[in-house]
PDB file of all heavy atoms in Angstrom:
ATOM      1  N   ASP A   1       0.860  -1.179  -0.020  1.00  0.00           N
ATOM      2  CA  ASP A   1      -0.014   0.012   0.022  1.00  0.00           C
ATOM      3  C   ASP A   1       0.878   1.233   0.006  1.00  0.00           C
ATOM      4  O   ASP A   1       2.040   1.149   0.415  1.00  0.00           O
ATOM      5  CB  ASP A   1      -0.912   0.038   1.192  1.00  0.00           C
ATOM      6  CG  ASP A   1      -2.105   0.941   1.026  1.00  0.00           C
ATOM      7  OD1 ASP A   1      -2.284   1.447  -0.072  1.00  0.00           O
ATOM      8  OD2 ASP A   1      -2.866   1.190   1.983  1.00  0.00           O
ATOM      9  N   LEU A   2       0.335   2.339  -0.485  1.00  0.00           N
ATOM     10  CA  LEU A   2       1.146   3.537  -0.690  1.00  0.00           C
ATOM     11  C   LEU A   2       0.375   4.740  -0.261  1.00  0.00           C
ATOM     12  O   LEU A   2      -0.794   4.903  -0.577  1.00  0.00           O
ATOM     13  CB  LEU A   2       1.521   3.636  -2.176  1.00  0.00           C
ATOM     14  CG  LEU A   2       2.220   4.866  -2.668  1.00  0.00           C
ATOM     15  CD1 LEU A   2       3.633   5.044  -2.025  1.00  0.00           C
ATOM     16  CD2 LEU A   2       2.354   4.826  -4.181  1.00  0.00           C
ATOM     17  N   ALA A   3       1.015   5.601   0.520  1.00  0.00           N
ATOM     18  CA  ALA A   3       0.428   6.864   0.950  1.00  0.00           C
ATOM     19  C   ALA A   3       1.504   7.955   0.878  1.00  0.00           C
ATOM     20  O   ALA A   3       2.714   7.643   0.850  1.00  0.00           O
ATOM     21  CB  ALA A   3      -0.158   6.790   2.348  1.00  0.00           C
ATOM     22  N   GLY A   4       1.070   9.180   0.877  1.00  0.00           N
ATOM     23  CA  GLY A   4       2.008  10.271   0.800  1.00  0.00           C
ATOM     24  C   GLY A   4       1.602  11.480   1.626  1.00  0.00           C
ATOM     25  O   GLY A   4       0.423  11.593   2.047  1.00  0.00           O
ATOM     26  N   PHE A   5       2.486  12.418   1.735  1.00  0.00           N
ATOM     27  CA  PHE A   5       2.285  13.668   2.509  1.00  0.00           C
ATOM     28  C   PHE A   5       3.085  14.750   1.820  1.00  0.00           C
ATOM     29  O   PHE A   5       4.259  14.561   1.528  1.00  0.00           O
ATOM     30  CB  PHE A   5       2.736  13.420   3.927  1.00  0.00           C
ATOM     31  CG  PHE A   5       2.769  14.667   4.773  1.00  0.00           C
ATOM     32  CD1 PHE A   5       1.608  15.105   5.412  1.00  0.00           C
ATOM     33  CD2 PHE A   5       3.954  15.411   4.972  1.00  0.00           C
ATOM     34  CE1 PHE A   5       1.637  16.222   6.175  1.00  0.00           C
ATOM     35  CE2 PHE A   5       3.942  16.502   5.774  1.00  0.00           C
ATOM     36  CZ  PHE A   5       2.766  16.982   6.381  1.00  0.00           C
ATOM     37  N   SER A   6       2.423  15.905   1.680  1.00  0.00           N
ATOM     38  CA  SER A   6       3.140  16.994   1.040  1.00  0.00           C
ATOM     39  C   SER A   6       2.890  18.305   1.775  1.00  0.00           C
ATOM     40  O   SER A   6       1.834  18.473   2.425  1.00  0.00           O
ATOM     41  CB  SER A   6       2.685  17.163  -0.433  1.00  0.00           C
ATOM     42  OG  SER A   6       3.474  18.167  -1.106  1.00  0.00           O
ATOM     43  N   VAL A   7       3.852  19.214   1.695  1.00  0.00           N
ATOM     44  CA  VAL A   7       3.729  20.526   2.301  1.00  0.00           C
ATOM     45  C   VAL A   7       4.017  21.579   1.273  1.00  0.00           C
ATOM     46  O   VAL A   7       4.962  21.467   0.452  1.00  0.00           O
ATOM     47  CB  VAL A   7       4.730  20.675   3.482  1.00  0.00           C
ATOM     48  CG1 VAL A   7       4.718  22.120   3.959  1.00  0.00           C
ATOM     49  CG2 VAL A   7       4.347  19.790   4.634  1.00  0.00           C
ATOM     50  N   GLY A   8       3.153  22.655   1.217  1.00  0.00           N
ATOM     51  CA  GLY A   8       3.349  23.743   0.292  1.00  0.00           C
ATOM     52  C   GLY A   8       3.340  25.051   1.044  1.00  0.00           C
ATOM     53  O   GLY A   8       3.192  25.115   2.272  1.00  0.00           O
ATOM     54  N   VAL A   9       3.595  26.119   0.328  1.00  0.00           N
ATOM     55  CA  VAL A   9       3.552  27.455   0.959  1.00  0.00           C
ATOM     56  C   VAL A   9       2.774  28.457   0.056  1.00  0.00           C
ATOM     57  O   VAL A   9       2.773  28.367  -1.156  1.00  0.00           O
ATOM     58  CB  VAL A   9       5.020  27.947   1.172  1.00  0.00           C
ATOM     59  CG1 VAL A   9       5.691  28.221  -0.174  1.00  0.00           C
ATOM     60  CG2 VAL A   9       5.021  29.191   2.020  1.00  0.00           C
ATOM     61  N   VAL A  10       2.105  29.365   0.744  1.00  0.00           N
ATOM     62  CA  VAL A  10       1.392  30.441   0.050  1.00  0.00           C
ATOM     63  C   VAL A  10       1.488  31.734   0.896  1.00  0.00           C
ATOM     64  O   VAL A  10       1.479  31.637   2.140  1.00  0.00           O
ATOM     65  CB  VAL A  10      -0.075  30.055  -0.223  1.00  0.00           C
ATOM     66  CG1 VAL A  10      -0.839  29.796   1.067  1.00  0.00           C
ATOM     67  CG2 VAL A  10      -0.768  31.115  -1.057  1.00  0.00           C
ATOM     68  N   ASP A  11       1.599  32.873   0.277  1.00  0.00           N
ATOM     69  CA  ASP A  11       1.508  34.111   1.003  1.00  0.00           C
ATOM     70  C   ASP A  11       0.093  34.290   1.549  1.00  0.00           C
ATOM     71  O   ASP A  11      -0.866  34.029   0.822  1.00  0.00           O
ATOM     72  CB  ASP A  11       1.862  35.274   0.065  1.00  0.00           C
ATOM     73  CG  ASP A  11       2.303  36.514   0.828  1.00  0.00           C
ATOM     74  OD1 ASP A  11       1.817  36.732   1.928  1.00  0.00           O
ATOM     75  OD2 ASP A  11       3.133  37.251   0.256  1.00  0.00           O
ATOM     76  N   LYS A  12       0.003  34.646   2.812  1.00  0.00           N
ATOM     77  CA  LYS A  12      -1.344  34.734   3.453  1.00  0.00           C
ATOM     78  C   LYS A  12      -2.354  35.608   2.674  1.00  0.00           C
ATOM     79  O   LYS A  12      -3.504  35.252   2.567  1.00  0.00           O
ATOM     80  CB  LYS A  12      -1.206  35.258   4.891  1.00  0.00           C
ATOM     81  CG  LYS A  12      -2.508  35.146   5.648  1.00  0.00           C
ATOM     82  CD  LYS A  12      -2.290  35.457   7.160  1.00  0.00           C
ATOM     83  CE  LYS A  12      -3.606  35.273   7.914  1.00  0.00           C
ATOM     84  NZ  LYS A  12      -3.443  35.534   9.361  1.00  0.00           N
ATOM     85  N   CYS A  13      -1.832  36.661   2.085  1.00  0.00           N
ATOM     86  CA  CYS A  13      -2.704  37.560   1.273  1.00  0.00           C
ATOM     87  C   CYS A  13      -3.182  36.942  -0.009  1.00  0.00           C
ATOM     88  O   CYS A  13      -4.098  37.486  -0.641  1.00  0.00           O
ATOM     89  CB  CYS A  13      -2.043  38.892   1.090  1.00  0.00           C
ATOM     90  SG  CYS A  13      -0.607  38.785  -0.022  1.00  0.00           S
ATOM     91  N   LYS A  14      -2.591  35.817  -0.390  1.00  0.00           N
ATOM     92  CA  LYS A  14      -2.975  35.200  -1.673  1.00  0.00           C
ATOM     93  C   LYS A  14      -3.671  33.913  -1.497  1.00  0.00           C
ATOM     94  O   LYS A  14      -3.914  33.143  -2.504  1.00  0.00           O
ATOM     95  CB  LYS A  14      -1.688  34.971  -2.538  1.00  0.00           C
ATOM     96  CG  LYS A  14      -1.005  36.280  -2.924  1.00  0.00           C
ATOM     97  CD  LYS A  14       0.238  36.001  -3.767  1.00  0.00           C
ATOM     98  CE  LYS A  14       0.902  37.301  -4.206  1.00  0.00           C
ATOM     99  NZ  LYS A  14       2.076  37.078  -5.020  1.00  0.00           N
ATOM    100  N   ILE A  15      -4.040  33.551  -0.272  1.00  0.00           N
ATOM    101  CA  ILE A  15      -4.793  32.282  -0.010  1.00  0.00           C
ATOM    102  C   ILE A  15      -6.168  32.356  -0.709  1.00  0.00           C
ATOM    103  O   ILE A  15      -6.902  33.355  -0.536  1.00  0.00           O
ATOM    104  CB  ILE A  15      -4.987  32.035   1.477  1.00  0.00           C
ATOM    105  CG1 ILE A  15      -3.615  31.780   2.125  1.00  0.00           C
ATOM    106  CG2 ILE A  15      -5.899  30.828   1.698  1.00  0.00           C
ATOM    107  CD1 ILE A  15      -3.662  31.625   3.625  1.00  0.00           C
ATOM    108  N   LEU A  16      -6.505  31.352  -1.509  1.00  0.00           N
ATOM    109  CA  LEU A  16      -7.793  31.283  -2.127  1.00  0.00           C
ATOM    110  C   LEU A  16      -8.819  30.748  -1.186  1.00  0.00           C
ATOM    111  O   LEU A  16      -8.652  29.783  -0.491  1.00  0.00           O
ATOM    112  CB  LEU A  16      -7.737  30.384  -3.351  1.00  0.00           C
ATOM    113  CG  LEU A  16      -6.819  30.803  -4.513  1.00  0.00           C
ATOM    114  CD1 LEU A  16      -6.928  29.809  -5.660  1.00  0.00           C
ATOM    115  CD2 LEU A  16      -7.167  32.199  -4.981  1.00  0.00           C
ATOM    116  N   ASP A  17      -9.952  31.432  -1.051  1.00  0.00           N
ATOM    117  CA  ASP A  17     -11.103  30.924  -0.331  1.00  0.00           C
ATOM    118  C   ASP A  17     -12.365  31.222  -1.171  1.00  0.00           C
ATOM    119  O   ASP A  17     -12.242  31.476  -2.381  1.00  0.00           O
ATOM    120  CB  ASP A  17     -11.212  31.583   1.080  1.00  0.00           C
ATOM    121  CG  ASP A  17     -11.285  33.112   0.999  1.00  0.00           C
ATOM    122  OD1 ASP A  17     -11.781  33.637   0.012  1.00  0.00           O
ATOM    123  OD2 ASP A  17     -10.808  33.734   1.969  1.00  0.00           O
ATOM    124  N   THR A  18     -13.506  31.132  -0.581  1.00  0.00           N
ATOM    125  CA  THR A  18     -14.747  31.247  -1.380  1.00  0.00           C
ATOM    126  C   THR A  18     -15.382  32.653  -1.268  1.00  0.00           C
ATOM    127  O   THR A  18     -16.428  32.877  -1.797  1.00  0.00           O
ATOM    128  CB  THR A  18     -15.752  30.190  -0.960  1.00  0.00           C
ATOM    129  OG1 THR A  18     -16.124  30.429   0.444  1.00  0.00           O
ATOM    130  CG2 THR A  18     -15.178  28.786  -1.088  1.00  0.00           C
ATOM    131  N   ALA A  19     -14.720  33.539  -0.498  1.00  0.00           N
ATOM    132  CA  ALA A  19     -15.353  34.811  -0.131  1.00  0.00           C
ATOM    133  C   ALA A  19     -15.723  35.678  -1.316  1.00  0.00           C
ATOM    134  O   ALA A  19     -16.705  36.376  -1.317  1.00  0.00           O
ATOM    135  CB  ALA A  19     -14.468  35.581   0.805  1.00  0.00           C
ATOM    136  N   SER A  20     -14.913  35.622  -2.395  1.00  0.00           N
ATOM    137  CA  SER A  20     -15.138  36.482  -3.532  1.00  0.00           C
ATOM    138  C   SER A  20     -16.041  35.880  -4.614  1.00  0.00           C
ATOM    139  O   SER A  20     -16.402  36.523  -5.579  1.00  0.00           O
ATOM    140  CB  SER A  20     -13.828  36.894  -4.163  1.00  0.00           C
ATOM    141  OG  SER A  20     -13.147  35.741  -4.742  1.00  0.00           O
ATOM    142  N   VAL A  21     -16.466  34.673  -4.413  1.00  0.00           N
ATOM    143  CA  VAL A  21     -17.329  33.945  -5.410  1.00  0.00           C
ATOM    144  C   VAL A  21     -18.758  34.566  -5.394  1.00  0.00           C
ATOM    145  O   VAL A  21     -19.327  34.749  -4.356  1.00  0.00           O
ATOM    146  CB  VAL A  21     -17.366  32.431  -5.149  1.00  0.00           C
ATOM    147  CG1 VAL A  21     -18.290  31.761  -6.143  1.00  0.00           C
ATOM    148  CG2 VAL A  21     -15.974  31.822  -5.237  1.00  0.00           C
ATOM    149  N   ARG A  22     -19.254  34.856  -6.564  1.00  0.00           N
ATOM    150  CA  ARG A  22     -20.556  35.449  -6.700  1.00  0.00           C
ATOM    151  C   ARG A  22     -21.426  34.640  -7.693  1.00  0.00           C
ATOM    152  O   ARG A  22     -20.885  33.959  -8.601  1.00  0.00           O
ATOM    153  CB  ARG A  22     -20.468  36.864  -7.273  1.00  0.00           C
ATOM    154  CG  ARG A  22     -19.646  37.796  -6.341  1.00  0.00           C
ATOM    155  CD  ARG A  22     -20.433  38.192  -5.092  1.00  0.00           C
ATOM    156  NE  ARG A  22     -19.693  39.131  -4.282  1.00  0.00           N
ATOM    157  CZ  ARG A  22     -18.809  38.834  -3.307  1.00  0.00           C
ATOM    158  NH1 ARG A  22     -18.607  37.529  -3.056  1.00  0.00           N
ATOM    159  NH2 ARG A  22     -18.192  39.786  -2.669  1.00  0.00           N
ATOM    160  N   SER A  23     -22.706  34.724  -7.523  1.00  0.00           N
ATOM    161  CA  SER A  23     -23.644  34.124  -8.507  1.00  0.00           C
ATOM    162  C   SER A  23     -23.347  34.767  -9.892  1.00  0.00           C
ATOM    163  O   SER A  23     -23.191  35.994 -10.022  1.00  0.00           O
ATOM    164  CB  SER A  23     -25.076  34.424  -8.078  1.00  0.00           C
ATOM    165  OG  SER A  23     -25.948  33.901  -9.038  1.00  0.00           O
ATOM    166  N   GLY A  24     -23.284  33.959 -10.903  1.00  0.00           N
ATOM    167  CA  GLY A  24     -22.980  34.405 -12.231  1.00  0.00           C
ATOM    168  C   GLY A  24     -21.547  34.209 -12.614  1.00  0.00           C
ATOM    169  O   GLY A  24     -21.181  34.361 -13.806  1.00  0.00           O
ATOM    170  N   ASP A  25     -20.682  33.887 -11.645  1.00  0.00           N
ATOM    171  CA  ASP A  25     -19.302  33.562 -11.964  1.00  0.00           C
ATOM    172  C   ASP A  25     -19.293  32.256 -12.765  1.00  0.00           C
ATOM    173  O   ASP A  25     -20.205  31.432 -12.773  1.00  0.00           O
ATOM    174  CB  ASP A  25     -18.461  33.378 -10.682  1.00  0.00           C
ATOM    175  CG  ASP A  25     -18.081  34.704 -10.063  1.00  0.00           C
ATOM    176  OD1 ASP A  25     -18.085  35.747 -10.787  1.00  0.00           O
ATOM    177  OD2 ASP A  25     -17.747  34.690  -8.835  1.00  0.00           O
ATOM    178  N   VAL A  26     -18.177  32.085 -13.534  1.00  0.00           N
ATOM    179  CA  VAL A  26     -18.113  30.999 -14.501  1.00  0.00           C
ATOM    180  C   VAL A  26     -17.213  29.863 -13.909  1.00  0.00           C
ATOM    181  O   VAL A  26     -16.195  30.113 -13.290  1.00  0.00           O
ATOM    182  CB  VAL A  26     -17.508  31.505 -15.848  1.00  0.00           C
ATOM    183  CG1 VAL A  26     -17.295  30.332 -16.797  1.00  0.00           C
ATOM    184  CG2 VAL A  26     -18.390  32.550 -16.434  1.00  0.00           C
ATOM    185  N   ILE A  27     -17.661  28.620 -14.185  1.00  0.00           N
ATOM    186  CA  ILE A  27     -16.871  27.450 -13.764  1.00  0.00           C
ATOM    187  C   ILE A  27     -16.197  26.854 -14.983  1.00  0.00           C
ATOM    188  O   ILE A  27     -16.865  26.467 -15.928  1.00  0.00           O
ATOM    189  CB  ILE A  27     -17.783  26.371 -13.099  1.00  0.00           C
ATOM    190  CG1 ILE A  27     -18.470  27.019 -11.857  1.00  0.00           C
ATOM    191  CG2 ILE A  27     -17.002  25.153 -12.717  1.00  0.00           C
ATOM    192  CD1 ILE A  27     -19.554  26.083 -11.246  1.00  0.00           C
ATOM    193  N   ILE A  28     -14.881  26.805 -14.936  1.00  0.00           N
ATOM    194  CA  ILE A  28     -14.059  26.204 -16.007  1.00  0.00           C
ATOM    195  C   ILE A  28     -13.620  24.850 -15.578  1.00  0.00           C
ATOM    196  O   ILE A  28     -13.079  24.650 -14.461  1.00  0.00           O
ATOM    197  CB  ILE A  28     -12.867  27.113 -16.317  1.00  0.00           C
ATOM    198  CG1 ILE A  28     -13.321  28.481 -16.865  1.00  0.00           C
ATOM    199  CG2 ILE A  28     -11.917  26.449 -17.340  1.00  0.00           C
ATOM    200  CD1 ILE A  28     -12.211  29.488 -17.040  1.00  0.00           C
ATOM    201  N   GLY A  29     -13.749  23.861 -16.471  1.00  0.00           N
ATOM    202  CA  GLY A  29     -13.306  22.516 -16.185  1.00  0.00           C
ATOM    203  C   GLY A  29     -11.993  22.250 -16.828  1.00  0.00           C
ATOM    204  O   GLY A  29     -11.758  22.563 -17.998  1.00  0.00           O
TER     205      GLY A  29
END
């Protein structure tokens, strides 16, 4: 069996969350 663990970094001011999402925004696949 195989499992993994990773660590990344992001500037706090650039963290993506859902706060700016609005109705009418477009979803790209």
